[in-house]
């Protein structure tokens, strides 16, 4: 009989170890689930806070910026529905740059707001071009930098445009665009 008892004791040890390991895994799983649940709850609350802040910011209208050139009396390009506003984002060396261009197709007026644009290098100036049938047409030079960030600048009138582009040109502008100096471009939102 003593020989038969040995396998039973080893089986009992096996089941005891297996039970202990399962209990440890269960406790580890509970702890891990609790940690992940807490983290998920934190992320959800952060998301809700950010979403509420974004909604609040969207509902609060920021007053229109002061203009460098005064639009005609009674005309506000920022609130006039005849103006089609296009946001243009920089790329390459001008990543993070942004400006807005408003164009009124019936009056041909163009306004520009250099929201986030760096100061050009010495002897250079940014120039706006209207894209007309895949060609660039001069729409004028404009001022940039922090002092001009919220200024509304009136540009040259443009009869037709499918979009706009910005180049870095010599001081005073250029009659022909320097295609290797294109900083940003965008189609008009219609």
N, C-alpha and C. Protein backbone atom coordinates (compact mmCIF):
# COMPACT_ATOMS: atom_id res chain seq x y z
N UNK A 1 0.79 -1.20 0.00
CA UNK A 1 0.00 0.00 0.00
C UNK A 1 0.83 1.27 0.00
N UNK A 2 1.95 1.28 0.60
CA UNK A 2 2.71 2.51 0.63
C UNK A 2 3.07 2.98 -0.79
N UNK A 3 3.20 2.06 -1.72
CA UNK A 3 3.54 2.46 -3.06
C UNK A 3 2.40 3.23 -3.73
N UNK A 4 1.24 2.93 -3.43
CA UNK A 4 0.10 3.59 -4.04
C UNK A 4 -0.12 4.99 -3.48
N UNK A 5 0.32 5.26 -2.34
CA UNK A 5 0.11 6.56 -1.72
C UNK A 5 1.00 7.64 -2.34
N UNK A 6 2.14 7.29 -2.83
CA UNK A 6 3.07 8.26 -3.40
C UNK A 6 2.49 9.01 -4.58
N UNK A 7 1.84 8.36 -5.56
CA UNK A 7 1.28 9.10 -6.67
C UNK A 7 0.16 10.03 -6.21
N UNK A 8 -0.59 9.67 -5.23
CA UNK A 8 -1.68 10.52 -4.76
C UNK A 8 -1.11 11.79 -4.14
N UNK A 9 -0.05 11.68 -3.34
CA UNK A 9 0.56 12.85 -2.73
C UNK A 9 1.13 13.79 -3.79
N UNK A 10 1.77 13.26 -4.83
CA UNK A 10 2.32 14.12 -5.88
C UNK A 10 1.20 14.80 -6.67
N UNK A 11 0.08 14.09 -6.85
CA UNK A 11 -1.06 14.70 -7.53
C UNK A 11 -1.65 15.82 -6.66
N UNK A 12 -1.71 15.59 -5.36
CA UNK A 12 -2.22 16.61 -4.46
C UNK A 12 -1.33 17.85 -4.49
N UNK A 13 -0.02 17.64 -4.50
CA UNK A 13 0.92 18.77 -4.59
C UNK A 13 0.72 19.53 -5.89
N UNK A 14 0.57 18.80 -6.99
CA UNK A 14 0.35 19.43 -8.29
C UNK A 14 -0.89 20.32 -8.27
N UNK A 15 -1.99 19.80 -7.74
CA UNK A 15 -3.24 20.56 -7.70
C UNK A 15 -3.13 21.76 -6.76
N UNK A 16 -2.38 21.60 -5.67
CA UNK A 16 -2.18 22.73 -4.75
C UNK A 16 -1.39 23.84 -5.45
N UNK A 17 -0.32 23.48 -6.15
CA UNK A 17 0.47 24.49 -6.87
C UNK A 17 -0.36 25.14 -8.00
N UNK A 18 -1.11 24.32 -8.69
CA UNK A 18 -1.94 24.84 -9.77
C UNK A 18 -3.00 25.81 -9.22
N UNK A 19 -3.60 25.45 -8.10
CA UNK A 19 -4.59 26.32 -7.47
C UNK A 19 -3.94 27.62 -7.01
N UNK A 20 -2.76 27.56 -6.43
CA UNK A 20 -2.05 28.75 -5.97
C UNK A 20 -1.69 29.64 -7.16
N UNK A 21 -1.24 29.04 -8.24
CA UNK A 21 -0.89 29.83 -9.43
C UNK A 21 -2.14 30.49 -10.01
N UNK A 22 -3.24 29.78 -10.05
CA UNK A 22 -4.48 30.35 -10.57
C UNK A 22 -4.96 31.51 -9.70
N UNK A 23 -4.83 31.36 -8.39
CA UNK A 23 -5.21 32.45 -7.48
C UNK A 23 -4.33 33.68 -7.71
N UNK A 24 -3.03 33.44 -7.88
CA UNK A 24 -2.12 34.56 -8.15
C UNK A 24 -2.48 35.24 -9.47
N UNK A 25 -2.76 34.46 -10.50
CA UNK A 25 -3.17 35.03 -11.78
C UNK A 25 -4.49 35.80 -11.66
N UNK A 26 -5.42 35.27 -10.90
CA UNK A 26 -6.70 35.95 -10.70
C UNK A 26 -6.50 37.28 -9.99
N UNK A 27 -5.69 37.27 -8.94
CA UNK A 27 -5.42 38.51 -8.20
C UNK A 27 -4.68 39.50 -9.11
N UNK A 28 -3.69 39.02 -9.87
CA UNK A 28 -2.97 39.89 -10.81
C UNK A 28 -3.90 40.47 -11.87
N UNK A 29 -4.81 39.66 -12.37
CA UNK A 29 -5.77 40.13 -13.37
C UNK A 29 -6.70 41.18 -12.77
N UNK A 30 -7.15 40.97 -11.56
CA UNK A 30 -8.03 41.96 -10.90
C UNK A 30 -7.29 43.28 -10.72
N UNK A 31 -6.05 43.23 -10.26
CA UNK A 31 -5.26 44.46 -10.06
C UNK A 31 -5.03 45.16 -11.40
N UNK A 32 -4.67 44.42 -12.43
CA UNK A 32 -4.43 45.00 -13.74
C UNK A 32 -5.71 45.60 -14.32
N UNK A 33 -6.83 44.91 -14.20
CA UNK A 33 -8.11 45.45 -14.67
C UNK A 33 -8.48 46.72 -13.93
N UNK A 34 -8.27 46.75 -12.63
CA UNK A 34 -8.57 47.95 -11.85
C UNK A 34 -7.71 49.12 -12.33
N UNK A 35 -6.41 48.88 -12.54
CA UNK A 35 -5.51 49.92 -13.02
C UNK A 35 -5.93 50.43 -14.40
N UNK A 36 -6.23 49.52 -15.32
CA UNK A 36 -6.65 49.92 -16.67
C UNK A 36 -7.99 50.66 -16.65
N UNK A 37 -8.90 50.24 -15.76
CA UNK A 37 -10.18 50.93 -15.64
C UNK A 37 -9.97 52.36 -15.15
N UNK A 38 -9.11 52.54 -14.16
CA UNK A 38 -8.81 53.89 -13.64
C UNK A 38 -8.21 54.75 -14.74
N UNK A 39 -7.29 54.20 -15.49
CA UNK A 39 -6.64 54.93 -16.57
C UNK A 39 -7.67 55.31 -17.66
N UNK A 40 -8.54 54.40 -17.99
CA UNK A 40 -9.59 54.66 -18.98
C UNK A 40 -10.51 55.77 -18.49
N UNK A 41 -10.87 55.74 -17.23
CA UNK A 41 -11.72 56.78 -16.65
C UNK A 41 -11.03 58.14 -16.71
N UNK A 42 -9.73 58.18 -16.42
CA UNK A 42 -8.98 59.43 -16.50
C UNK A 42 -8.96 59.97 -17.92
N UNK A 43 -8.74 59.10 -18.90
CA UNK A 43 -8.71 59.53 -20.29
C UNK A 43 -10.08 60.05 -20.73
N UNK A 44 -11.13 59.37 -20.30
CA UNK A 44 -12.48 59.82 -20.65
C UNK A 44 -12.77 61.20 -20.07
N UNK A 45 -12.37 61.42 -18.82
CA UNK A 45 -12.63 62.74 -18.21
C UNK A 45 -11.79 63.82 -18.89
N UNK A 46 -10.55 63.51 -19.25
CA UNK A 46 -9.73 64.48 -19.97
C UNK A 46 -10.34 64.79 -21.33
N UNK A 47 -10.85 63.77 -22.02
CA UNK A 47 -11.49 63.96 -23.31
C UNK A 47 -12.71 64.86 -23.16
N UNK A 48 -13.54 64.59 -22.17
CA UNK A 48 -14.75 65.39 -21.96
C UNK A 48 -14.38 66.84 -21.64
N UNK A 49 -13.34 67.05 -20.84
CA UNK A 49 -12.90 68.40 -20.51
C UNK A 49 -12.44 69.14 -21.75
N UNK A 50 -11.64 68.48 -22.58
CA UNK A 50 -11.16 69.11 -23.82
C UNK A 50 -12.30 69.39 -24.78
N UNK A 51 -13.24 68.46 -24.88
CA UNK A 51 -14.38 68.65 -25.76
C UNK A 51 -15.24 69.83 -25.30
N UNK A 52 -15.45 69.93 -24.00
CA UNK A 52 -16.23 71.05 -23.46
C UNK A 52 -15.52 72.37 -23.71
N UNK A 53 -14.19 72.39 -23.54
CA UNK A 53 -13.43 73.61 -23.78
C UNK A 53 -13.50 74.01 -25.25
N UNK A 54 -13.44 73.02 -26.14
CA UNK A 54 -13.51 73.31 -27.58
C UNK A 54 -14.89 73.86 -27.93
N UNK A 55 -15.94 73.26 -27.38
CA UNK A 55 -17.29 73.75 -27.64
C UNK A 55 -17.47 75.16 -27.11
N UNK A 56 -16.93 75.43 -25.93
CA UNK A 56 -17.04 76.76 -25.34
C UNK A 56 -16.31 77.78 -26.22
N UNK A 57 -15.12 77.40 -26.69
CA UNK A 57 -14.34 78.29 -27.54
C UNK A 57 -15.05 78.55 -28.86
N UNK A 58 -15.72 77.53 -29.40
CA UNK A 58 -16.43 77.69 -30.67
C UNK A 58 -17.65 78.60 -30.51
N UNK A 59 -18.28 78.56 -29.34
CA UNK A 59 -19.47 79.39 -29.13
C UNK A 59 -19.11 80.83 -28.82
N UNK A 60 -17.95 81.04 -28.23
CA UNK A 60 -17.52 82.41 -27.93
C UNK A 60 -16.87 82.99 -29.18
N UNK A 61 -17.51 83.98 -29.74
CA UNK A 61 -16.98 84.61 -30.95
C UNK A 61 -15.90 85.62 -30.56
N UNK A 62 -14.74 85.50 -31.22
CA UNK A 62 -13.65 86.45 -31.00
C UNK A 62 -13.94 87.66 -31.87
N UNK A 63 -13.83 88.87 -31.33
CA UNK A 63 -14.12 90.05 -32.14
C UNK A 63 -13.18 90.13 -33.34
N UNK A 64 -13.67 90.67 -34.47
CA UNK A 64 -12.83 90.76 -35.66
C UNK A 64 -11.60 91.64 -35.40
N UNK A 65 -10.46 91.28 -36.01
CA UNK A 65 -9.25 92.05 -35.80
C UNK A 65 -9.33 93.44 -36.43
N UNK A 66 -8.51 94.33 -35.90
CA UNK A 66 -8.44 95.67 -36.48
C UNK A 66 -7.79 95.61 -37.85
N UNK A 67 -8.27 96.40 -38.77
CA UNK A 67 -7.76 96.37 -40.15
C UNK A 67 -6.65 97.39 -40.33
N UNK A 68 -5.67 97.05 -41.18
CA UNK A 68 -4.60 98.00 -41.48
C UNK A 68 -5.09 99.01 -42.51
N UNK A 69 -5.89 98.54 -43.45
CA UNK A 69 -6.50 99.45 -44.41
C UNK A 69 -8.00 99.35 -44.18
N UNK A 70 -8.61 100.45 -43.93
CA UNK A 70 -10.02 100.45 -43.56
C UNK A 70 -10.89 100.09 -44.75
N UNK A 71 -11.72 99.05 -44.60
CA UNK A 71 -12.64 98.72 -45.68
C UNK A 71 -13.67 99.84 -45.83
N UNK A 72 -14.32 99.93 -46.98
CA UNK A 72 -15.33 100.97 -47.16
C UNK A 72 -16.39 100.90 -46.06
N UNK A 73 -16.97 102.06 -45.73
CA UNK A 73 -17.96 102.11 -44.65
C UNK A 73 -19.09 101.14 -44.91
N UNK A 74 -19.47 100.44 -43.85
CA UNK A 74 -20.58 99.50 -43.96
C UNK A 74 -20.18 98.13 -44.50
N UNK A 75 -18.93 97.95 -44.92
CA UNK A 75 -18.48 96.67 -45.44
C UNK A 75 -17.49 96.05 -44.47
N UNK A 76 -17.80 94.85 -43.99
CA UNK A 76 -16.89 94.12 -43.11
C UNK A 76 -16.58 92.79 -43.78
N UNK A 77 -15.40 92.66 -44.37
CA UNK A 77 -15.07 91.44 -45.11
C UNK A 77 -15.18 90.17 -44.25
N UNK A 78 -14.98 90.31 -42.93
CA UNK A 78 -15.02 89.13 -42.07
C UNK A 78 -16.43 88.59 -41.88
N UNK A 79 -17.42 89.47 -41.94
CA UNK A 79 -18.79 89.00 -41.73
C UNK A 79 -19.63 89.04 -43.01
N UNK A 80 -19.10 89.58 -44.08
CA UNK A 80 -19.83 89.66 -45.35
C UNK A 80 -19.85 88.28 -46.00
N UNK A 81 -21.05 87.71 -46.23
CA UNK A 81 -21.12 86.37 -46.83
C UNK A 81 -20.63 86.31 -48.28
N UNK A 82 -20.48 87.45 -48.91
CA UNK A 82 -19.98 87.46 -50.29
C UNK A 82 -18.49 87.12 -50.35
N UNK A 83 -17.79 87.27 -49.22
CA UNK A 83 -16.36 86.93 -49.17
C UNK A 83 -16.22 85.44 -48.88
N UNK A 84 -15.46 84.76 -49.70
CA UNK A 84 -15.14 83.35 -49.50
C UNK A 84 -13.76 83.30 -48.85
N UNK A 85 -13.71 82.82 -47.61
CA UNK A 85 -12.46 82.78 -46.85
C UNK A 85 -11.80 81.42 -46.98
N UNK A 86 -10.50 81.45 -47.22
CA UNK A 86 -9.70 80.25 -47.36
C UNK A 86 -8.54 80.32 -46.39
N UNK A 87 -8.34 79.25 -45.63
CA UNK A 87 -7.20 79.17 -44.72
C UNK A 87 -6.07 78.47 -45.45
N UNK A 88 -4.88 79.03 -45.38
CA UNK A 88 -3.73 78.45 -46.06
C UNK A 88 -2.68 78.08 -45.01
N UNK A 89 -2.24 76.84 -45.04
CA UNK A 89 -1.25 76.32 -44.11
C UNK A 89 0.11 76.23 -44.80
N UNK A 90 1.17 76.54 -44.07
CA UNK A 90 2.51 76.46 -44.62
C UNK A 90 3.02 75.03 -44.64
N UNK A 91 4.01 74.78 -45.46
CA UNK A 91 4.64 73.47 -45.50
C UNK A 91 6.14 73.65 -45.65
N UNK A 92 6.87 72.56 -45.46
CA UNK A 92 8.34 72.63 -45.54
C UNK A 92 8.89 73.51 -44.45
N UNK A 93 9.72 74.47 -44.82
CA UNK A 93 10.33 75.38 -43.85
C UNK A 93 9.28 76.29 -43.20
N UNK A 94 8.09 76.37 -43.78
CA UNK A 94 7.04 77.25 -43.25
C UNK A 94 5.93 76.45 -42.56
N UNK A 95 6.23 75.22 -42.17
CA UNK A 95 5.29 74.39 -41.42
C UNK A 95 4.86 75.14 -40.17
N UNK A 96 3.58 75.19 -39.90
CA UNK A 96 3.06 75.90 -38.74
C UNK A 96 2.61 77.32 -39.08
N UNK A 97 2.99 77.81 -40.25
CA UNK A 97 2.53 79.13 -40.68
C UNK A 97 1.09 79.02 -41.16
N UNK A 98 0.34 80.11 -40.97
CA UNK A 98 -1.06 80.09 -41.38
C UNK A 98 -1.51 81.50 -41.71
N UNK A 99 -2.29 81.61 -42.77
CA UNK A 99 -2.94 82.88 -43.08
C UNK A 99 -4.29 82.61 -43.68
N UNK A 100 -5.14 83.63 -43.67
CA UNK A 100 -6.49 83.52 -44.22
C UNK A 100 -6.64 84.55 -45.33
N UNK A 101 -7.29 84.14 -46.40
CA UNK A 101 -7.52 85.03 -47.53
C UNK A 101 -9.01 85.05 -47.82
N UNK A 102 -9.55 86.27 -47.91
CA UNK A 102 -10.96 86.44 -48.26
C UNK A 102 -11.06 87.09 -49.62
N UNK A 103 -11.88 86.50 -50.49
CA UNK A 103 -12.04 87.03 -51.85
C UNK A 103 -13.52 87.16 -52.15
N UNK A 104 -13.91 88.34 -52.65
CA UNK A 104 -15.28 88.59 -53.06
C UNK A 104 -15.31 88.53 -54.58
N UNK A 105 -15.96 87.53 -55.10
CA UNK A 105 -15.97 87.29 -56.54
C UNK A 105 -16.67 88.42 -57.31
N UNK A 106 -17.70 89.02 -56.74
CA UNK A 106 -18.42 90.07 -57.47
C UNK A 106 -17.69 91.41 -57.44
N UNK A 107 -17.09 91.79 -56.30
CA UNK A 107 -16.38 93.07 -56.24
C UNK A 107 -14.89 92.92 -56.55
N UNK A 108 -14.41 91.66 -56.58
CA UNK A 108 -13.01 91.33 -56.87
C UNK A 108 -12.05 91.72 -55.76
N UNK A 109 -12.57 92.12 -54.61
CA UNK A 109 -11.72 92.53 -53.49
C UNK A 109 -11.06 91.31 -52.85
N UNK A 110 -9.83 91.52 -52.37
CA UNK A 110 -9.08 90.47 -51.69
C UNK A 110 -8.54 91.05 -50.39
N UNK A 111 -8.76 90.33 -49.30
CA UNK A 111 -8.20 90.70 -48.00
C UNK A 111 -7.39 89.53 -47.49
N UNK A 112 -6.34 89.85 -46.75
CA UNK A 112 -5.43 88.83 -46.22
C UNK A 112 -5.21 89.10 -44.75
N UNK A 113 -5.15 88.03 -43.97
CA UNK A 113 -4.82 88.11 -42.55
C UNK A 113 -3.71 87.11 -42.29
N UNK A 114 -2.49 87.64 -42.04
CA UNK A 114 -1.33 86.78 -41.79
C UNK A 114 -1.34 86.36 -40.33
N UNK A 115 -2.10 85.30 -40.03
CA UNK A 115 -2.32 84.87 -38.64
C UNK A 115 -1.01 84.45 -37.96
N UNK A 116 -0.31 83.50 -38.56
CA UNK A 116 0.96 83.02 -38.01
C UNK A 116 1.96 82.96 -39.15
N UNK A 117 2.69 84.03 -39.33
CA UNK A 117 3.69 84.09 -40.40
C UNK A 117 4.96 84.73 -39.83
N UNK A 118 6.10 84.13 -40.09
CA UNK A 118 7.35 84.71 -39.58
C UNK A 118 7.74 85.97 -40.36
N UNK A 119 8.63 86.73 -39.78
CA UNK A 119 9.21 87.87 -40.50
C UNK A 119 10.08 87.30 -41.61
N UNK A 120 10.04 87.87 -42.81
CA UNK A 120 10.89 87.36 -43.88
C UNK A 120 12.36 87.75 -43.63
N UNK A 121 13.29 87.06 -44.26
CA UNK A 121 14.70 87.42 -44.12
C UNK A 121 14.94 88.85 -44.65
N UNK A 122 16.04 89.45 -44.25
CA UNK A 122 16.38 90.81 -44.70
C UNK A 122 16.41 90.86 -46.23
N UNK A 123 15.80 91.91 -46.79
CA UNK A 123 15.79 92.10 -48.24
C UNK A 123 14.73 91.27 -48.96
N UNK A 124 13.88 90.57 -48.19
CA UNK A 124 12.84 89.73 -48.79
C UNK A 124 11.47 90.15 -48.26
N UNK A 125 10.43 89.75 -48.98
CA UNK A 125 9.07 90.05 -48.58
C UNK A 125 8.14 88.98 -49.14
N UNK A 126 7.09 88.66 -48.39
CA UNK A 126 6.11 87.68 -48.87
C UNK A 126 5.19 88.35 -49.87
N UNK A 127 4.79 87.58 -50.89
CA UNK A 127 3.92 88.10 -51.93
C UNK A 127 2.78 87.11 -52.16
N UNK A 128 1.58 87.66 -52.33
CA UNK A 128 0.38 86.87 -52.60
C UNK A 128 0.16 86.77 -54.10
N UNK A 129 -0.21 85.58 -54.56
CA UNK A 129 -0.50 85.34 -55.96
C UNK A 129 -1.84 84.64 -56.08
N UNK A 130 -2.67 85.07 -57.02
CA UNK A 130 -3.92 84.38 -57.32
C UNK A 130 -3.60 83.30 -58.34
N UNK A 131 -4.16 82.13 -58.16
CA UNK A 131 -3.97 81.04 -59.13
C UNK A 131 -5.14 81.12 -60.12
N UNK A 132 -4.80 81.46 -61.37
CA UNK A 132 -5.80 81.62 -62.43
C UNK A 132 -5.39 80.72 -63.59
N UNK A 133 -6.19 79.69 -63.85
CA UNK A 133 -5.90 78.74 -64.93
C UNK A 133 -4.46 78.22 -64.85
N UNK A 134 -4.07 77.79 -63.67
CA UNK A 134 -2.76 77.20 -63.38
C UNK A 134 -1.60 78.18 -63.55
N UNK A 135 -1.88 79.48 -63.58
CA UNK A 135 -0.84 80.51 -63.64
C UNK A 135 -0.99 81.40 -62.43
N UNK A 136 0.14 81.97 -61.99
CA UNK A 136 0.12 82.85 -60.83
C UNK A 136 0.03 84.31 -61.27
N UNK A 137 -0.95 85.03 -60.68
CA UNK A 137 -1.17 86.44 -61.00
C UNK A 137 -0.92 87.24 -59.72
N UNK A 138 -0.10 88.30 -59.83
CA UNK A 138 0.28 89.11 -58.69
C UNK A 138 -0.94 89.71 -57.98
N UNK A 139 -1.01 89.49 -56.65
CA UNK A 139 -2.08 90.08 -55.85
C UNK A 139 -1.50 91.00 -54.78
N UNK A 140 -0.19 91.24 -54.81
CA UNK A 140 0.43 92.21 -53.91
C UNK A 140 1.29 91.61 -52.83
N UNK A 141 2.07 92.47 -52.19
CA UNK A 141 2.93 92.09 -51.08
C UNK A 141 2.20 92.41 -49.78
N UNK A 142 2.62 91.76 -48.71
CA UNK A 142 1.96 92.00 -47.42
C UNK A 142 2.96 91.91 -46.28
N UNK A 143 2.55 92.45 -45.12
CA UNK A 143 3.39 92.48 -43.93
C UNK A 143 3.10 91.28 -43.05
N UNK A 144 4.13 90.79 -42.36
CA UNK A 144 3.97 89.64 -41.47
C UNK A 144 4.61 89.93 -40.12
N UNK A 145 4.63 88.92 -39.28
CA UNK A 145 5.22 89.05 -37.96
C UNK A 145 4.14 89.29 -36.91
N UNK A 146 4.54 89.28 -35.66
CA UNK A 146 3.61 89.40 -34.54
C UNK A 146 2.80 90.69 -34.59
N UNK A 147 3.42 91.79 -35.00
CA UNK A 147 2.72 93.08 -35.03
C UNK A 147 1.59 93.09 -36.05
N UNK A 148 1.66 92.25 -37.07
CA UNK A 148 0.65 92.22 -38.14
C UNK A 148 -0.23 90.98 -38.10
N UNK A 149 -0.09 90.15 -37.06
CA UNK A 149 -0.77 88.86 -37.01
C UNK A 149 -2.28 88.96 -37.11
N UNK A 150 -2.89 89.93 -36.48
CA UNK A 150 -4.35 90.04 -36.50
C UNK A 150 -4.84 91.18 -37.38
N UNK A 151 -3.96 91.75 -38.16
CA UNK A 151 -4.33 92.87 -39.04
C UNK A 151 -4.96 92.34 -40.32
N UNK A 152 -5.99 93.00 -40.77
CA UNK A 152 -6.63 92.67 -42.03
C UNK A 152 -6.02 93.59 -43.09
N UNK A 153 -5.38 93.00 -44.11
CA UNK A 153 -4.68 93.79 -45.12
C UNK A 153 -5.40 93.65 -46.47
N UNK A 154 -5.70 94.78 -47.08
CA UNK A 154 -6.34 94.75 -48.40
C UNK A 154 -5.27 94.54 -49.46
N UNK A 155 -5.54 93.59 -50.35
CA UNK A 155 -4.60 93.25 -51.40
C UNK A 155 -5.13 93.79 -52.73
N UNK A 156 -4.39 93.53 -53.82
CA UNK A 156 -4.83 93.95 -55.15
C UNK A 156 -6.09 93.18 -55.54
N UNK A 157 -6.99 93.83 -56.27
CA UNK A 157 -8.22 93.19 -56.73
C UNK A 157 -7.87 92.07 -57.71
N UNK A 158 -8.65 90.99 -57.63
CA UNK A 158 -8.43 89.83 -58.49
C UNK A 158 -9.75 89.49 -59.18
N UNK A 159 -9.74 89.47 -60.50
CA UNK A 159 -10.96 89.21 -61.27
C UNK A 159 -11.41 87.76 -61.16
N UNK A 160 -10.46 86.85 -61.14
CA UNK A 160 -10.78 85.43 -61.13
C UNK A 160 -9.69 84.70 -60.36
N UNK A 161 -10.07 83.65 -59.64
CA UNK A 161 -9.07 82.86 -58.91
C UNK A 161 -9.62 81.50 -58.56
N UNK A 162 -8.80 80.48 -58.76
CA UNK A 162 -9.15 79.14 -58.30
C UNK A 162 -8.48 78.85 -56.96
N UNK A 163 -7.50 79.66 -56.61
CA UNK A 163 -6.78 79.48 -55.36
C UNK A 163 -5.77 80.60 -55.19
N UNK A 164 -4.96 80.48 -54.14
CA UNK A 164 -3.93 81.48 -53.86
C UNK A 164 -2.64 80.79 -53.45
N UNK A 165 -1.53 81.47 -53.69
CA UNK A 165 -0.21 80.96 -53.31
C UNK A 165 0.61 82.10 -52.72
N UNK A 166 1.56 81.75 -51.88
CA UNK A 166 2.46 82.72 -51.25
C UNK A 166 3.88 82.35 -51.65
N UNK A 167 4.65 83.37 -52.08
CA UNK A 167 6.07 83.15 -52.37
C UNK A 167 6.90 84.15 -51.57
N UNK A 168 8.15 83.84 -51.43
CA UNK A 168 9.11 84.75 -50.78
C UNK A 168 9.88 85.42 -51.90
N UNK A 169 9.71 86.73 -52.04
CA UNK A 169 10.31 87.48 -53.14
C UNK A 169 11.25 88.56 -52.59
N UNK A 170 11.95 89.22 -53.50
CA UNK A 170 12.82 90.34 -53.10
C UNK A 170 11.94 91.47 -52.54
N UNK A 171 12.52 92.33 -51.74
CA UNK A 171 11.80 93.45 -51.13
C UNK A 171 11.06 94.24 -52.21
N UNK A 172 9.79 94.54 -51.99
CA UNK A 172 9.00 95.29 -52.96
C UNK A 172 8.22 94.41 -53.92
N UNK A 173 8.46 93.12 -53.90
CA UNK A 173 7.72 92.19 -54.75
C UNK A 173 8.37 91.95 -56.09
N UNK A 174 7.73 91.09 -56.86
CA UNK A 174 8.26 90.69 -58.16
C UNK A 174 7.13 90.60 -59.17
N UNK A 175 7.44 90.87 -60.44
CA UNK A 175 6.43 90.77 -61.50
C UNK A 175 6.15 89.30 -61.84
N UNK A 176 7.14 88.45 -61.67
CA UNK A 176 7.01 87.02 -61.93
C UNK A 176 7.32 86.25 -60.65
N UNK A 177 6.56 85.20 -60.35
CA UNK A 177 6.81 84.46 -59.11
C UNK A 177 8.08 83.63 -59.18
N UNK A 178 8.75 83.53 -58.04
CA UNK A 178 9.91 82.64 -57.92
C UNK A 178 9.36 81.28 -57.52
N UNK A 179 9.18 80.38 -58.46
CA UNK A 179 8.52 79.11 -58.20
C UNK A 179 9.27 78.25 -57.19
N UNK A 180 10.57 78.45 -57.03
CA UNK A 180 11.32 77.69 -56.04
C UNK A 180 11.15 78.29 -54.63
N UNK A 181 10.40 79.38 -54.53
CA UNK A 181 10.20 80.05 -53.24
C UNK A 181 8.73 80.00 -52.79
N UNK A 182 7.94 79.06 -53.33
CA UNK A 182 6.55 78.93 -52.92
C UNK A 182 6.51 78.40 -51.49
N UNK A 183 5.86 79.16 -50.60
CA UNK A 183 5.79 78.80 -49.18
C UNK A 183 4.51 78.04 -48.85
N UNK A 184 3.42 78.40 -49.51
CA UNK A 184 2.14 77.76 -49.23
C UNK A 184 1.16 78.07 -50.36
N UNK A 185 0.13 77.24 -50.49
CA UNK A 185 -0.90 77.46 -51.49
C UNK A 185 -2.15 76.69 -51.09
N UNK A 186 -3.31 77.14 -51.60
CA UNK A 186 -4.57 76.44 -51.32
C UNK A 186 -5.61 76.85 -52.34
N UNK A 187 -6.56 75.94 -52.55
CA UNK A 187 -7.71 76.23 -53.42
C UNK A 187 -8.72 77.04 -52.63
N UNK A 188 -9.56 77.76 -53.34
CA UNK A 188 -10.60 78.55 -52.70
C UNK A 188 -11.75 77.64 -52.27
N UNK A 189 -12.25 77.86 -51.05
CA UNK A 189 -13.42 77.13 -50.58
C UNK A 189 -14.65 77.71 -51.28
N UNK A 190 -15.37 76.90 -51.96
CA UNK A 190 -16.56 77.38 -52.68
C UNK A 190 -17.81 76.82 -52.07
